[in-house]
PDB file of all heavy atoms in Angstrom:
ATOM      1  N   GLU A   1      -8.590   6.325  -3.305  1.00  0.00           N
ATOM      2  CA  GLU A   1      -9.743   5.661  -2.680  1.00  0.00           C
ATOM      3  C   GLU A   1      -9.363   4.983  -1.363  1.00  0.00           C
ATOM      4  O   GLU A   1     -10.225   4.742  -0.519  1.00  0.00           O
ATOM      5  CB  GLU A   1     -10.348   4.613  -3.622  1.00  0.00           C
ATOM      6  CG  GLU A   1     -10.908   5.171  -4.908  1.00  0.00           C
ATOM      7  CD  GLU A   1      -9.822   5.509  -5.940  1.00  0.00           C
ATOM      8  OE1 GLU A   1      -8.815   4.778  -6.058  1.00  0.00           O
ATOM      9  OE2 GLU A   1      -9.980   6.539  -6.618  1.00  0.00           O
ATOM     10  N   ALA A   2      -8.087   4.663  -1.191  1.00  0.00           N
ATOM     11  CA  ALA A   2      -7.642   4.013   0.052  1.00  0.00           C
ATOM     12  C   ALA A   2      -7.913   4.899   1.264  1.00  0.00           C
ATOM     13  O   ALA A   2      -8.104   4.391   2.366  1.00  0.00           O
ATOM     14  CB  ALA A   2      -6.153   3.680  -0.029  1.00  0.00           C
ATOM     15  N   LEU A   3      -7.958   6.209   1.056  1.00  0.00           N
ATOM     16  CA  LEU A   3      -8.213   7.128   2.167  1.00  0.00           C
ATOM     17  C   LEU A   3      -9.694   7.243   2.492  1.00  0.00           C
ATOM     18  O   LEU A   3     -10.053   7.718   3.563  1.00  0.00           O
ATOM     19  CB  LEU A   3      -7.656   8.515   1.845  1.00  0.00           C
ATOM     20  CG  LEU A   3      -6.162   8.577   1.602  1.00  0.00           C
ATOM     21  CD1 LEU A   3      -5.754   9.985   1.205  1.00  0.00           C
ATOM     22  CD2 LEU A   3      -5.396   8.120   2.831  1.00  0.00           C
ATOM     23  N   LYS A   4     -10.539   6.797   1.579  1.00  0.00           N
ATOM     24  CA  LYS A   4     -11.986   6.946   1.757  1.00  0.00           C
ATOM     25  C   LYS A   4     -12.652   5.716   2.337  1.00  0.00           C
ATOM     26  O   LYS A   4     -13.818   5.753   2.673  1.00  0.00           O
ATOM     27  CB  LYS A   4     -12.633   7.279   0.415  1.00  0.00           C
ATOM     28  CG  LYS A   4     -12.177   8.585  -0.167  1.00  0.00           C
ATOM     29  CD  LYS A   4     -12.764   8.800  -1.524  1.00  0.00           C
ATOM     30  CE  LYS A   4     -12.149  10.044  -2.147  1.00  0.00           C
ATOM     31  NZ  LYS A   4     -12.474  10.172  -3.550  1.00  0.00           N
ATOM     32  N   ARG A   5     -11.914   4.646   2.423  1.00  0.00           N
ATOM     33  CA  ARG A   5     -12.496   3.389   2.901  1.00  0.00           C
ATOM     34  C   ARG A   5     -12.902   3.505   4.360  1.00  0.00           C
ATOM     35  O   ARG A   5     -12.137   3.959   5.200  1.00  0.00           O
ATOM     36  CB  ARG A   5     -11.521   2.240   2.735  1.00  0.00           C
ATOM     37  CG  ARG A   5     -11.282   1.940   1.275  1.00  0.00           C
ATOM     38  CD  ARG A   5     -10.643   0.597   1.103  1.00  0.00           C
ATOM     39  NE  ARG A   5     -10.459   0.364  -0.323  1.00  0.00           N
ATOM     40  CZ  ARG A   5      -9.362  -0.124  -0.836  1.00  0.00           C
ATOM     41  NH1 ARG A   5      -8.363  -0.456  -0.068  1.00  0.00           N
ATOM     42  NH2 ARG A   5      -9.273  -0.302  -2.123  1.00  0.00           N
ATOM     43  N   GLU A   6     -14.098   3.069   4.641  1.00  0.00           N
ATOM     44  CA  GLU A   6     -14.611   3.048   6.007  1.00  0.00           C
ATOM     45  C   GLU A   6     -14.329   1.684   6.619  1.00  0.00           C
ATOM     46  O   GLU A   6     -14.335   0.675   5.915  1.00  0.00           O
ATOM     47  CB  GLU A   6     -16.122   3.303   6.011  1.00  0.00           C
ATOM     48  CG  GLU A   6     -16.494   4.704   5.573  1.00  0.00           C
ATOM     49  CD  GLU A   6     -16.044   5.765   6.546  1.00  0.00           C
ATOM     50  OE1 GLU A   6     -16.068   5.515   7.767  1.00  0.00           O
ATOM     51  OE2 GLU A   6     -15.656   6.850   6.085  1.00  0.00           O
ATOM     52  N   PRO A   7     -14.122   1.630   7.936  1.00  0.00           N
ATOM     53  CA  PRO A   7     -13.942   0.325   8.575  1.00  0.00           C
ATOM     54  C   PRO A   7     -15.192  -0.532   8.374  1.00  0.00           C
ATOM     55  O   PRO A   7     -16.294  -0.014   8.315  1.00  0.00           O
ATOM     56  CB  PRO A   7     -13.740   0.645  10.061  1.00  0.00           C
ATOM     57  CG  PRO A   7     -13.643   2.125  10.168  1.00  0.00           C
ATOM     58  CD  PRO A   7     -14.036   2.728   8.857  1.00  0.00           C
ATOM     59  N   GLN A   8     -14.989  -1.834   8.285  1.00  0.00           N
ATOM     60  CA  GLN A   8     -16.093  -2.763   8.082  1.00  0.00           C
ATOM     61  C   GLN A   8     -17.045  -2.796   9.276  1.00  0.00           C
ATOM     62  O   GLN A   8     -18.215  -3.019   9.129  1.00  0.00           O
ATOM     63  CB  GLN A   8     -15.544  -4.180   7.843  1.00  0.00           C
ATOM     64  CG  GLN A   8     -14.694  -4.298   6.604  1.00  0.00           C
ATOM     65  CD  GLN A   8     -15.529  -4.348   5.344  1.00  0.00           C
ATOM     66  OE1 GLN A   8     -16.679  -4.721   5.377  1.00  0.00           O
ATOM     67  NE2 GLN A   8     -14.936  -3.978   4.226  1.00  0.00           N
ATOM     68  N   HIS A   9     -16.510  -2.557  10.457  1.00  0.00           N
ATOM     69  CA  HIS A   9     -17.337  -2.600  11.662  1.00  0.00           C
ATOM     70  C   HIS A   9     -16.719  -1.672  12.700  1.00  0.00           C
ATOM     71  O   HIS A   9     -15.539  -1.384  12.674  1.00  0.00           O
ATOM     72  CB  HIS A   9     -17.424  -4.025  12.223  1.00  0.00           C
ATOM     73  CG  HIS A   9     -16.067  -4.624  12.476  1.00  0.00           C
ATOM     74  ND1 HIS A   9     -15.345  -4.379  13.617  1.00  0.00           N
ATOM     75  CD2 HIS A   9     -15.287  -5.415  11.704  1.00  0.00           C
ATOM     76  CE1 HIS A   9     -14.183  -5.018  13.545  1.00  0.00           C
ATOM     77  NE2 HIS A   9     -14.122  -5.649  12.393  1.00  0.00           N
ATOM     78  N   ALA A  10     -17.563  -1.205  13.585  1.00  0.00           N
ATOM     79  CA  ALA A  10     -17.066  -0.337  14.653  1.00  0.00           C
ATOM     80  C   ALA A  10     -16.455  -1.206  15.750  1.00  0.00           C
ATOM     81  O   ALA A  10     -17.044  -2.193  16.174  1.00  0.00           O
ATOM     82  CB  ALA A  10     -18.211   0.492  15.223  1.00  0.00           C
ATOM     83  N   GLU A  11     -15.270  -0.829  16.190  1.00  0.00           N
ATOM     84  CA  GLU A  11     -14.605  -1.592  17.256  1.00  0.00           C
ATOM     85  C   GLU A  11     -14.941  -0.983  18.610  1.00  0.00           C
ATOM     86  O   GLU A  11     -15.042   0.226  18.752  1.00  0.00           O
ATOM     87  CB  GLU A  11     -13.093  -1.558  17.067  1.00  0.00           C
ATOM     88  CG  GLU A  11     -12.630  -2.333  15.863  1.00  0.00           C
ATOM     89  CD  GLU A  11     -11.116  -2.328  15.747  1.00  0.00           C
ATOM     90  OE1 GLU A  11     -10.431  -1.976  16.721  1.00  0.00           O
ATOM     91  OE2 GLU A  11     -10.628  -2.685  14.673  1.00  0.00           O
ATOM     92  N   GLN A  12     -15.110  -1.853  19.568  1.00  0.00           N
ATOM     93  CA  GLN A  12     -15.289  -1.401  20.930  1.00  0.00           C
ATOM     94  C   GLN A  12     -13.919  -1.070  21.499  1.00  0.00           C
ATOM     95  O   GLN A  12     -12.941  -1.736  21.177  1.00  0.00           O
ATOM     96  CB  GLN A  12     -15.953  -2.507  21.772  1.00  0.00           C
ATOM     97  CG  GLN A  12     -17.343  -2.871  21.289  1.00  0.00           C
ATOM     98  CD  GLN A  12     -18.291  -1.695  21.370  1.00  0.00           C
ATOM     99  OE1 GLN A  12     -18.262  -0.938  22.325  1.00  0.00           O
ATOM    100  NE2 GLN A  12     -19.127  -1.527  20.362  1.00  0.00           N
ATOM    101  N   PRO A  13     -13.831  -0.034  22.349  1.00  0.00           N
ATOM    102  CA  PRO A  13     -12.525   0.300  22.931  1.00  0.00           C
ATOM    103  C   PRO A  13     -11.915  -0.910  23.634  1.00  0.00           C
ATOM    104  O   PRO A  13     -12.597  -1.639  24.348  1.00  0.00           O
ATOM    105  CB  PRO A  13     -12.861   1.404  23.941  1.00  0.00           C
ATOM    106  CG  PRO A  13     -14.171   1.969  23.461  1.00  0.00           C
ATOM    107  CD  PRO A  13     -14.890   0.838  22.792  1.00  0.00           C
ATOM    108  N   GLY A  14     -10.647  -1.147  23.370  1.00  0.00           N
ATOM    109  CA  GLY A  14      -9.928  -2.236  24.018  1.00  0.00           C
ATOM    110  C   GLY A  14     -10.088  -3.586  23.350  1.00  0.00           C
ATOM    111  O   GLY A  14      -9.505  -4.561  23.789  1.00  0.00           O
ATOM    112  N   THR A  15     -10.904  -3.661  22.292  1.00  0.00           N
ATOM    113  CA  THR A  15     -11.065  -4.935  21.597  1.00  0.00           C
ATOM    114  C   THR A  15     -10.637  -4.761  20.153  1.00  0.00           C
ATOM    115  O   THR A  15     -11.109  -3.880  19.455  1.00  0.00           O
ATOM    116  CB  THR A  15     -12.531  -5.421  21.622  1.00  0.00           C
ATOM    117  OG1 THR A  15     -13.333  -4.481  20.923  1.00  0.00           O
ATOM    118  CG2 THR A  15     -13.036  -5.595  23.038  1.00  0.00           C
ATOM    119  N   ARG A  16      -9.741  -5.607  19.735  1.00  0.00           N
ATOM    120  CA  ARG A  16      -9.291  -5.585  18.351  1.00  0.00           C
ATOM    121  C   ARG A  16      -9.227  -7.002  17.836  1.00  0.00           C
ATOM    122  O   ARG A  16      -8.729  -7.889  18.512  1.00  0.00           O
ATOM    123  CB  ARG A  16      -7.916  -4.945  18.242  1.00  0.00           C
ATOM    124  CG  ARG A  16      -7.925  -3.466  18.569  1.00  0.00           C
ATOM    125  CD  ARG A  16      -6.598  -2.875  18.304  1.00  0.00           C
ATOM    126  NE  ARG A  16      -6.500  -2.660  16.863  1.00  0.00           N
ATOM    127  CZ  ARG A  16      -5.509  -2.040  16.302  1.00  0.00           C
ATOM    128  NH1 ARG A  16      -4.516  -1.580  17.016  1.00  0.00           N
ATOM    129  NH2 ARG A  16      -5.469  -1.869  15.004  1.00  0.00           N
ATOM    130  N   THR A  17      -9.721  -7.195  16.658  1.00  0.00           N
ATOM    131  CA  THR A  17      -9.636  -8.489  16.013  1.00  0.00           C
ATOM    132  C   THR A  17      -8.277  -8.574  15.335  1.00  0.00           C
ATOM    133  O   THR A  17      -7.916  -7.675  14.578  1.00  0.00           O
ATOM    134  CB  THR A  17     -10.754  -8.636  14.956  1.00  0.00           C
ATOM    135  OG1 THR A  17     -12.000  -8.390  15.589  1.00  0.00           O
ATOM    136  CG2 THR A  17     -10.726 -10.008  14.322  1.00  0.00           C
ATOM    137  N   PRO A  18      -7.512  -9.617  15.619  1.00  0.00           N
ATOM    138  CA  PRO A  18      -6.223  -9.744  14.946  1.00  0.00           C
ATOM    139  C   PRO A  18      -6.395  -9.773  13.430  1.00  0.00           C
ATOM    140  O   PRO A  18      -7.343 -10.362  12.911  1.00  0.00           O
ATOM    141  CB  PRO A  18      -5.672 -11.079  15.455  1.00  0.00           C
ATOM    142  CG  PRO A  18      -6.431 -11.350  16.715  1.00  0.00           C
ATOM    143  CD  PRO A  18      -7.770 -10.711  16.531  1.00  0.00           C
ATOM    144  N   VAL A  19      -5.487  -9.128  12.732  1.00  0.00           N
ATOM    145  CA  VAL A  19      -5.521  -9.051  11.276  1.00  0.00           C
ATOM    146  C   VAL A  19      -4.306  -9.792  10.750  1.00  0.00           C
ATOM    147  O   VAL A  19      -3.200  -9.617  11.254  1.00  0.00           O
ATOM    148  CB  VAL A  19      -5.498  -7.579  10.814  1.00  0.00           C
ATOM    149  CG1 VAL A  19      -5.432  -7.470   9.305  1.00  0.00           C
ATOM    150  CG2 VAL A  19      -6.692  -6.831  11.352  1.00  0.00           C
ATOM    151  N   THR A  20      -4.511 -10.588   9.729  1.00  0.00           N
ATOM    152  CA  THR A  20      -3.371 -11.277   9.129  1.00  0.00           C
ATOM    153  C   THR A  20      -2.575 -10.289   8.282  1.00  0.00           C
ATOM    154  O   THR A  20      -3.079  -9.231   7.895  1.00  0.00           O
ATOM    155  CB  THR A  20      -3.824 -12.445   8.236  1.00  0.00           C
ATOM    156  OG1 THR A  20      -4.502 -11.911   7.093  1.00  0.00           O
ATOM    157  CG2 THR A  20      -4.718 -13.408   8.989  1.00  0.00           C
ATOM    158  N   GLU A  21      -1.355 -10.673   7.978  1.00  0.00           N
ATOM    159  CA  GLU A  21      -0.512  -9.846   7.120  1.00  0.00           C
ATOM    160  C   GLU A  21      -1.188  -9.616   5.770  1.00  0.00           C
ATOM    161  O   GLU A  21      -1.203  -8.499   5.250  1.00  0.00           O
ATOM    162  CB  GLU A  21       0.831 -10.547   6.937  1.00  0.00           C
ATOM    163  CG  GLU A  21       1.837  -9.767   6.138  1.00  0.00           C
ATOM    164  CD  GLU A  21       3.143 -10.529   6.030  1.00  0.00           C
ATOM    165  OE1 GLU A  21       3.932 -10.482   6.984  1.00  0.00           O
ATOM    166  OE2 GLU A  21       3.342 -11.164   4.981  1.00  0.00           O
ATOM    167  N   GLU A  22      -1.753 -10.672   5.201  1.00  0.00           N
ATOM    168  CA  GLU A  22      -2.420 -10.561   3.895  1.00  0.00           C
ATOM    169  C   GLU A  22      -3.606  -9.611   3.964  1.00  0.00           C
ATOM    170  O   GLU A  22      -3.820  -8.804   3.060  1.00  0.00           O
ATOM    171  CB  GLU A  22      -2.872 -11.947   3.405  1.00  0.00           C
ATOM    172  CG  GLU A  22      -1.725 -12.892   3.090  1.00  0.00           C
ATOM    173  CD  GLU A  22      -0.771 -12.336   2.041  1.00  0.00           C
ATOM    174  OE1 GLU A  22      -1.234 -11.848   0.992  1.00  0.00           O
ATOM    175  OE2 GLU A  22       0.443 -12.386   2.274  1.00  0.00           O
ATOM    176  N   GLU A  23      -4.397  -9.699   5.034  1.00  0.00           N
ATOM    177  CA  GLU A  23      -5.549  -8.804   5.190  1.00  0.00           C
ATOM    178  C   GLU A  23      -5.096  -7.356   5.318  1.00  0.00           C
ATOM    179  O   GLU A  23      -5.707  -6.451   4.736  1.00  0.00           O
ATOM    180  CB  GLU A  23      -6.369  -9.198   6.424  1.00  0.00           C
ATOM    181  CG  GLU A  23      -7.115 -10.497   6.280  1.00  0.00           C
ATOM    182  CD  GLU A  23      -7.732 -10.981   7.583  1.00  0.00           C
ATOM    183  OE1 GLU A  23      -7.202 -10.659   8.676  1.00  0.00           O
ATOM    184  OE2 GLU A  23      -8.748 -11.683   7.515  1.00  0.00           O
ATOM    185  N   ALA A  24      -4.020  -7.127   6.067  1.00  0.00           N
ATOM    186  CA  ALA A  24      -3.507  -5.764   6.258  1.00  0.00           C
ATOM    187  C   ALA A  24      -3.023  -5.183   4.933  1.00  0.00           C
ATOM    188  O   ALA A  24      -3.341  -4.037   4.593  1.00  0.00           O
ATOM    189  CB  ALA A  24      -2.376  -5.759   7.281  1.00  0.00           C
ATOM    190  N   LEU A  25      -2.283  -5.970   4.165  1.00  0.00           N
ATOM    191  CA  LEU A  25      -1.780  -5.478   2.880  1.00  0.00           C
ATOM    192  C   LEU A  25      -2.933  -5.187   1.919  1.00  0.00           C
ATOM    193  O   LEU A  25      -2.930  -4.165   1.222  1.00  0.00           O
ATOM    194  CB  LEU A  25      -0.809  -6.487   2.271  1.00  0.00           C
ATOM    195  CG  LEU A  25       0.538  -6.618   2.994  1.00  0.00           C
ATOM    196  CD1 LEU A  25       1.322  -7.804   2.466  1.00  0.00           C
ATOM    197  CD2 LEU A  25       1.337  -5.340   2.881  1.00  0.00           C
ATOM    198  N   THR A  26      -3.919  -6.047   1.915  1.00  0.00           N
ATOM    199  CA  THR A  26      -5.082  -5.829   1.057  1.00  0.00           C
ATOM    200  C   THR A  26      -5.830  -4.573   1.493  1.00  0.00           C
ATOM    201  O   THR A  26      -6.222  -3.751   0.655  1.00  0.00           O
ATOM    202  CB  THR A  26      -6.014  -7.049   1.075  1.00  0.00           C
ATOM    203  OG1 THR A  26      -5.281  -8.186   0.601  1.00  0.00           O
ATOM    204  CG2 THR A  26      -7.238  -6.835   0.204  1.00  0.00           C
ATOM    205  N   ALA A  27      -6.014  -4.400   2.798  1.00  0.00           N
ATOM    206  CA  ALA A  27      -6.701  -3.208   3.311  1.00  0.00           C
ATOM    207  C   ALA A  27      -5.958  -1.927   2.950  1.00  0.00           C
ATOM    208  O   ALA A  27      -6.562  -0.883   2.723  1.00  0.00           O
ATOM    209  CB  ALA A  27      -6.866  -3.309   4.828  1.00  0.00           C
ATOM    210  N   LEU A  28      -4.635  -2.012   2.865  1.00  0.00           N
ATOM    211  CA  LEU A  28      -3.827  -0.854   2.482  1.00  0.00           C
ATOM    212  C   LEU A  28      -3.805  -0.632   0.975  1.00  0.00           C
ATOM    213  O   LEU A  28      -3.247   0.347   0.499  1.00  0.00           O
ATOM    214  CB  LEU A  28      -2.393  -1.027   2.988  1.00  0.00           C
ATOM    215  CG  LEU A  28      -2.200  -0.920   4.491  1.00  0.00           C
ATOM    216  CD1 LEU A  28      -0.798  -1.352   4.873  1.00  0.00           C
ATOM    217  CD2 LEU A  28      -2.483   0.492   4.956  1.00  0.00           C
ATOM    218  N   GLY A  29      -4.400  -1.558   0.225  1.00  0.00           N
ATOM    219  CA  GLY A  29      -4.424  -1.423  -1.223  1.00  0.00           C
ATOM    220  C   GLY A  29      -3.179  -1.951  -1.903  1.00  0.00           C
ATOM    221  O   GLY A  29      -2.955  -1.702  -3.085  1.00  0.00           O
ATOM    222  N   VAL A  30      -2.354  -2.695  -1.164  1.00  0.00           N
ATOM    223  CA  VAL A  30      -1.129  -3.268  -1.731  1.00  0.00           C
ATOM    224  C   VAL A  30      -1.495  -4.662  -2.233  1.00  0.00           C
ATOM    225  O   VAL A  30      -1.533  -5.607  -1.464  1.00  0.00           O
ATOM    226  CB  VAL A  30      -0.004  -3.330  -0.679  1.00  0.00           C
ATOM    227  CG1 VAL A  30       1.280  -3.868  -1.293  1.00  0.00           C
ATOM    228  CG2 VAL A  30       0.239  -1.963  -0.056  1.00  0.00           C
ATOM    229  N   VAL A  31      -1.763  -4.759  -3.533  1.00  0.00           N
ATOM    230  CA  VAL A  31      -2.246  -6.024  -4.081  1.00  0.00           C
ATOM    231  C   VAL A  31      -1.232  -6.702  -4.993  1.00  0.00           C
ATOM    232  O   VAL A  31      -1.285  -7.917  -5.165  1.00  0.00           O
ATOM    233  CB  VAL A  31      -3.591  -5.831  -4.824  1.00  0.00           C
ATOM    234  CG1 VAL A  31      -4.689  -5.451  -3.846  1.00  0.00           C
ATOM    235  CG2 VAL A  31      -3.475  -4.793  -5.921  1.00  0.00           C
ATOM    236  N   ASP A  32      -0.327  -5.956  -5.574  1.00  0.00           N
ATOM    237  CA  ASP A  32       0.706  -6.534  -6.435  1.00  0.00           C
ATOM    238  C   ASP A  32       1.708  -7.305  -5.579  1.00  0.00           C
ATOM    239  O   ASP A  32       2.166  -6.805  -4.547  1.00  0.00           O
ATOM    240  CB  ASP A  32       1.414  -5.417  -7.204  1.00  0.00           C
ATOM    241  CG  ASP A  32       2.514  -5.957  -8.092  1.00  0.00           C
ATOM    242  OD1 ASP A  32       2.188  -6.491  -9.157  1.00  0.00           O
ATOM    243  OD2 ASP A  32       3.694  -5.845  -7.692  1.00  0.00           O
ATOM    244  N   GLU A  33       2.042  -8.518  -5.979  1.00  0.00           N
ATOM    245  CA  GLU A  33       2.922  -9.365  -5.164  1.00  0.00           C
ATOM    246  C   GLU A  33       4.309  -8.758  -4.993  1.00  0.00           C
ATOM    247  O   GLU A  33       4.927  -8.886  -3.931  1.00  0.00           O
ATOM    248  CB  GLU A  33       3.011 -10.773  -5.753  1.00  0.00           C
ATOM    249  CG  GLU A  33       3.582 -11.786  -4.788  1.00  0.00           C
ATOM    250  CD  GLU A  33       2.913 -11.791  -3.411  1.00  0.00           C
ATOM    251  OE1 GLU A  33       1.669 -11.806  -3.325  1.00  0.00           O
ATOM    252  OE2 GLU A  33       3.644 -11.775  -2.394  1.00  0.00           O
ATOM    253  N   THR A  34       4.816  -8.058  -6.007  1.00  0.00           N
ATOM    254  CA  THR A  34       6.121  -7.400  -5.883  1.00  0.00           C
ATOM    255  C   THR A  34       6.057  -6.292  -4.834  1.00  0.00           C
ATOM    256  O   THR A  34       6.963  -6.148  -4.004  1.00  0.00           O
ATOM    257  CB  THR A  34       6.557  -6.812  -7.249  1.00  0.00           C
ATOM    258  OG1 THR A  34       6.582  -7.863  -8.206  1.00  0.00           O
ATOM    259  CG2 THR A  34       7.922  -6.168  -7.153  1.00  0.00           C
ATOM    260  N   ASP A  35       4.971  -5.510  -4.848  1.00  0.00           N
ATOM    261  CA  ASP A  35       4.793  -4.460  -3.849  1.00  0.00           C
ATOM    262  C   ASP A  35       4.639  -5.060  -2.449  1.00  0.00           C
ATOM    263  O   ASP A  35       5.174  -4.537  -1.469  1.00  0.00           O
ATOM    264  CB  ASP A  35       3.577  -3.595  -4.177  1.00  0.00           C
ATOM    265  CG  ASP A  35       3.759  -2.772  -5.439  1.00  0.00           C
ATOM    266  OD1 ASP A  35       4.917  -2.610  -5.882  1.00  0.00           O
ATOM    267  OD2 ASP A  35       2.744  -2.294  -5.986  1.00  0.00           O
ATOM    268  N   ARG A  36       3.909  -6.180  -2.367  1.00  0.00           N
ATOM    269  CA  ARG A  36       3.747  -6.834  -1.062  1.00  0.00           C
ATOM    270  C   ARG A  36       5.100  -7.283  -0.512  1.00  0.00           C
ATOM    271  O   ARG A  36       5.376  -7.117   0.666  1.00  0.00           O
ATOM    272  CB  ARG A  36       2.800  -8.043  -1.182  1.00  0.00           C
ATOM    273  CG  ARG A  36       1.351  -7.663  -1.316  1.00  0.00           C
ATOM    274  CD  ARG A  36       0.467  -8.897  -1.515  1.00  0.00           C
ATOM    275  NE  ARG A  36      -0.916  -8.510  -1.620  1.00  0.00           N
ATOM    276  CZ  ARG A  36      -1.844  -8.788  -0.705  1.00  0.00           C
ATOM    277  NH1 ARG A  36      -1.551  -9.483   0.357  1.00  0.00           N
ATOM    278  NH2 ARG A  36      -3.086  -8.378  -0.891  1.00  0.00           N
ATOM    279  N   ALA A  37       5.937  -7.825  -1.392  1.00  0.00           N
ATOM    280  CA  ALA A  37       7.269  -8.260  -0.961  1.00  0.00           C
ATOM    281  C   ALA A  37       8.091  -7.060  -0.486  1.00  0.00           C
ATOM    282  O   ALA A  37       8.822  -7.152   0.505  1.00  0.00           O
ATOM    283  CB  ALA A  37       7.980  -8.988  -2.099  1.00  0.00           C
ATOM    284  N   ALA A  38       7.960  -5.931  -1.174  1.00  0.00           N
ATOM    285  CA  ALA A  38       8.692  -4.727  -0.773  1.00  0.00           C
ATOM    286  C   ALA A  38       8.235  -4.240   0.605  1.00  0.00           C
ATOM    287  O   ALA A  38       9.060  -3.895   1.462  1.00  0.00           O
ATOM    288  CB  ALA A  38       8.502  -3.621  -1.812  1.00  0.00           C
ATOM    289  N   VAL A  39       6.926  -4.239   0.844  1.00  0.00           N
ATOM    290  CA  VAL A  39       6.398  -3.815   2.142  1.00  0.00           C
ATOM    291  C   VAL A  39       6.874  -4.762   3.238  1.00  0.00           C
ATOM    292  O   VAL A  39       7.304  -4.322   4.309  1.00  0.00           O
ATOM    293  CB  VAL A  39       4.857  -3.725   2.113  1.00  0.00           C
ATOM    294  CG1 VAL A  39       4.298  -3.500   3.508  1.00  0.00           C
ATOM    295  CG2 VAL A  39       4.411  -2.619   1.167  1.00  0.00           C
ATOM    296  N   ARG A  40       6.825  -6.064   2.957  1.00  0.00           N
ATOM    297  CA  ARG A  40       7.309  -7.035   3.949  1.00  0.00           C
ATOM    298  C   ARG A  40       8.789  -6.795   4.266  1.00  0.00           C
ATOM    299  O   ARG A  40       9.217  -6.899   5.415  1.00  0.00           O
ATOM    300  CB  ARG A  40       7.117  -8.456   3.435  1.00  0.00           C
ATOM    301  CG  ARG A  40       5.679  -8.908   3.423  1.00  0.00           C
ATOM    302  CD  ARG A  40       5.584 -10.377   2.983  1.00  0.00           C
ATOM    303  NE  ARG A  40       4.228 -10.737   2.722  1.00  0.00           N
ATOM    304  CZ  ARG A  40       3.703 -10.910   1.510  1.00  0.00           C
ATOM    305  NH1 ARG A  40       4.447 -10.781   0.433  1.00  0.00           N
ATOM    306  NH2 ARG A  40       2.436 -11.231   1.363  1.00  0.00           N
ATOM    307  N   GLY A  41       9.575  -6.476   3.233  1.00  0.00           N
ATOM    308  CA  GLY A  41      10.997  -6.198   3.434  1.00  0.00           C
ATOM    309  C   GLY A  41      11.224  -4.975   4.303  1.00  0.00           C
ATOM    310  O   GLY A  41      12.087  -4.980   5.191  1.00  0.00           O
ATOM    311  N   VAL A  42      10.450  -3.922   4.077  1.00  0.00           N
ATOM    312  CA  VAL A  42      10.564  -2.707   4.886  1.00  0.00           C
ATOM    313  C   VAL A  42      10.195  -3.021   6.333  1.00  0.00           C
ATOM    314  O   VAL A  42      10.880  -2.598   7.273  1.00  0.00           O
ATOM    315  CB  VAL A  42       9.670  -1.581   4.321  1.00  0.00           C
ATOM    316  CG1 VAL A  42       9.565  -0.421   5.297  1.00  0.00           C
ATOM    317  CG2 VAL A  42      10.205  -1.103   2.983  1.00  0.00           C
ATOM    318  N   ILE A  43       9.113  -3.756   6.515  1.00  0.00           N
ATOM    319  CA  ILE A  43       8.682  -4.105   7.874  1.00  0.00           C
ATOM    320  C   ILE A  43       9.755  -4.932   8.580  1.00  0.00           C
ATOM    321  O   ILE A  43      10.085  -4.678   9.741  1.00  0.00           O
ATOM    322  CB  ILE A  43       7.332  -4.848   7.844  1.00  0.00           C
ATOM    323  CG1 ILE A  43       6.224  -3.890   7.404  1.00  0.00           C
ATOM    324  CG2 ILE A  43       7.010  -5.459   9.211  1.00  0.00           C
ATOM    325  CD1 ILE A  43       4.909  -4.567   7.074  1.00  0.00           C
ATOM    326  N   ALA A  44      10.332  -5.903   7.880  1.00  0.00           N
ATOM    327  CA  ALA A  44      11.382  -6.731   8.482  1.00  0.00           C
ATOM    328  C   ALA A  44      12.597  -5.884   8.853  1.00  0.00           C
ATOM    329  O   ALA A  44      13.163  -6.037   9.946  1.00  0.00           O
ATOM    330  CB  ALA A  44      11.783  -7.846   7.516  1.00  0.00           C
TER     331      ALA A  44
END
């Protein structure tokens, strides 16, 4: 289902709303805290 999610709103070219780390992980479907820690480790 993560591949089927539509953006909440259409963005205008050149404008992006900053996303927090928590929002990004949630949007990616990474909700388990252990998985979130693993993703943060990979990013670091």
